[in-house]
């Protein structure tokens, strides 16, 4: 959607900046400290997403650094469409760009969490296995 908007606004001299964050330290973590829901259709997906953010919390970029990226994106004299910031952003985006859409979809089809974590680490270079 943002890419389409960038094309629509280009004739008017308006630039669109897509901020592509990884994990940014913010108050959202304090609001979601409970363990993942252990039942239901989304339990595996939520558990794996929770593992990604749990790993990222310790390494997360402070919100001020993400804000600095946003400020740079809107004030730069050398605009570009994409701005990556925060822990994991480069790894996630680079790896996703190297995958086919079918490989991306298949990643979510693992029945076993360890198999998912293994493939996630292989593809993205990030070990998100729950610690402890």
Protein backbone atom coordinates (compact mmCIF):
# COMPACT_ATOMS: atom_id res chain seq x y z
CA UNK A 1 0.00 0.00 0.00
CA UNK A 2 2.81 2.44 0.87
CA UNK A 3 4.59 1.67 -2.39
CA UNK A 4 1.42 2.51 -4.33
CA UNK A 5 0.97 5.70 -2.32
CA UNK A 6 4.56 6.68 -3.11
CA UNK A 7 3.80 6.44 -6.83
CA UNK A 8 0.52 8.34 -6.50
CA UNK A 9 2.12 11.23 -4.63
CA UNK A 10 5.35 11.47 -6.64
CA UNK A 11 3.85 13.81 -9.30
CA UNK A 12 3.04 16.27 -6.52
CA UNK A 13 6.57 16.25 -5.11
CA UNK A 14 5.46 14.39 -2.00
CA UNK A 15 7.71 11.58 -0.80
CA UNK A 16 6.58 8.57 1.18
CA UNK A 17 8.96 7.00 3.70
CA UNK A 18 8.38 3.43 4.83
CA UNK A 19 9.83 2.84 8.29
CA UNK A 20 10.72 -0.85 8.64
CA UNK A 21 11.39 -1.51 12.31
CA UNK A 22 12.52 -4.62 14.04
CA UNK A 23 12.04 -4.71 17.81
CA UNK A 24 11.92 -1.28 19.42
CA UNK A 25 11.87 -0.87 23.19
CA UNK A 26 8.59 0.76 24.14
CA UNK A 27 5.79 0.56 26.68
CA UNK A 28 4.05 -2.14 24.65
CA UNK A 29 6.26 -4.78 26.29
CA UNK A 30 5.00 -3.85 29.75
CA UNK A 31 1.44 -4.23 28.50
CA UNK A 32 1.99 -7.77 27.18
CA UNK A 33 4.03 -9.65 29.75
CA UNK A 34 1.78 -12.69 30.08
CA UNK A 35 2.74 -16.04 28.66
CA UNK A 36 1.20 -16.87 25.31
CA UNK A 37 -2.26 -18.39 25.20
CA UNK A 38 -1.71 -22.14 25.26
CA UNK A 39 -4.89 -23.07 23.47
CA UNK A 40 -6.74 -22.24 20.32
CA UNK A 41 -6.03 -22.04 16.64
CA UNK A 42 -3.35 -19.36 16.98
CA UNK A 43 -1.37 -20.75 19.91
CA UNK A 44 1.64 -21.90 17.84
CA UNK A 45 1.80 -18.66 15.85
CA UNK A 46 1.47 -16.51 18.97
CA UNK A 47 4.03 -18.59 20.88
CA UNK A 48 6.57 -18.19 18.06
CA UNK A 49 5.91 -14.47 17.67
CA UNK A 50 6.20 -14.10 21.45
CA UNK A 51 9.58 -15.91 21.29
CA UNK A 52 10.81 -13.45 18.64
CA UNK A 53 9.85 -10.44 20.74
CA UNK A 54 11.09 -12.00 23.98
CA UNK A 55 14.52 -12.49 22.38
CA UNK A 56 14.43 -8.98 20.98
CA UNK A 57 13.48 -7.24 24.23
CA UNK A 58 17.01 -7.48 25.65
CA UNK A 59 18.53 -6.28 22.39
CA UNK A 60 15.77 -3.88 21.38
CA UNK A 61 16.58 -0.44 20.08
CA UNK A 62 15.45 2.40 22.34
CA UNK A 63 12.39 4.23 21.01
CA UNK A 64 14.50 7.39 20.77
CA UNK A 65 16.72 5.76 18.15
CA UNK A 66 13.70 4.70 16.11
CA UNK A 67 12.36 8.25 16.45
CA UNK A 68 15.70 9.58 15.17
CA UNK A 69 15.34 7.37 12.09
CA UNK A 70 11.85 8.75 11.50
CA UNK A 71 13.11 12.32 11.92
CA UNK A 72 15.91 11.67 9.44
CA UNK A 73 13.47 10.13 6.97
CA UNK A 74 11.23 13.20 6.97
CA UNK A 75 13.99 15.84 6.99
CA UNK A 76 16.67 14.35 4.74
CA UNK A 77 17.76 15.98 1.51
CA UNK A 78 18.41 12.49 0.12
CA UNK A 79 15.03 10.77 0.41
CA UNK A 80 14.56 7.08 -0.06
CA UNK A 81 11.52 4.84 0.18
CA UNK A 82 12.67 2.40 2.88
CA UNK A 83 14.25 3.10 6.25
CA UNK A 84 15.22 0.14 8.44
CA UNK A 85 15.79 0.52 12.14
CA UNK A 86 15.83 -1.48 15.35
CA UNK A 87 16.99 -4.96 16.33
CA UNK A 88 16.34 -7.62 13.72
CA UNK A 89 15.10 -5.36 10.93
CA UNK A 90 18.05 -5.86 8.58
CA UNK A 91 18.16 -9.62 9.13
CA UNK A 92 14.42 -10.08 8.70
CA UNK A 93 14.09 -7.96 5.58
CA UNK A 94 17.23 -9.26 3.87
CA UNK A 95 16.24 -12.86 4.46
CA UNK A 96 12.61 -12.32 3.47
CA UNK A 97 13.77 -10.79 0.18
CA UNK A 98 15.76 -13.96 -0.52
CA UNK A 99 12.74 -16.24 0.02
CA UNK A 100 9.97 -17.05 -2.39
CA UNK A 101 6.43 -16.32 -1.27
CA UNK A 102 5.82 -20.05 -0.97
CA UNK A 103 8.87 -20.49 1.30
CA UNK A 104 7.58 -17.65 3.49
CA UNK A 105 4.14 -19.24 3.79
CA UNK A 106 5.65 -22.69 4.45
CA UNK A 107 7.63 -21.34 7.41
CA UNK A 108 4.36 -21.03 9.30
CA UNK A 109 3.36 -24.62 8.58
CA UNK A 110 5.80 -26.31 10.98
CA UNK A 111 4.03 -28.55 13.48
CA UNK A 112 7.04 -28.57 15.78
CA UNK A 113 8.35 -25.40 17.45
CA UNK A 114 11.96 -26.61 17.37
CA UNK A 115 11.76 -27.20 13.62
CA UNK A 116 10.34 -23.68 13.23
CA UNK A 117 13.10 -22.16 15.39
CA UNK A 118 15.76 -24.09 13.43
CA UNK A 119 14.48 -22.84 10.09
CA UNK A 120 14.01 -19.31 11.44
CA UNK A 121 17.63 -19.23 12.59
CA UNK A 122 18.87 -20.73 9.32
CA UNK A 123 16.99 -18.21 7.20
CA UNK A 124 17.19 -15.08 9.35
CA UNK A 125 20.37 -15.61 11.39
CA UNK A 126 18.48 -14.96 14.62
CA UNK A 127 18.14 -17.53 17.40
CA UNK A 128 14.71 -16.90 18.93
CA UNK A 129 14.41 -20.14 20.90
CA UNK A 130 12.91 -19.42 24.32
CA UNK A 131 15.61 -19.33 26.99
CA UNK A 132 15.22 -21.17 30.24
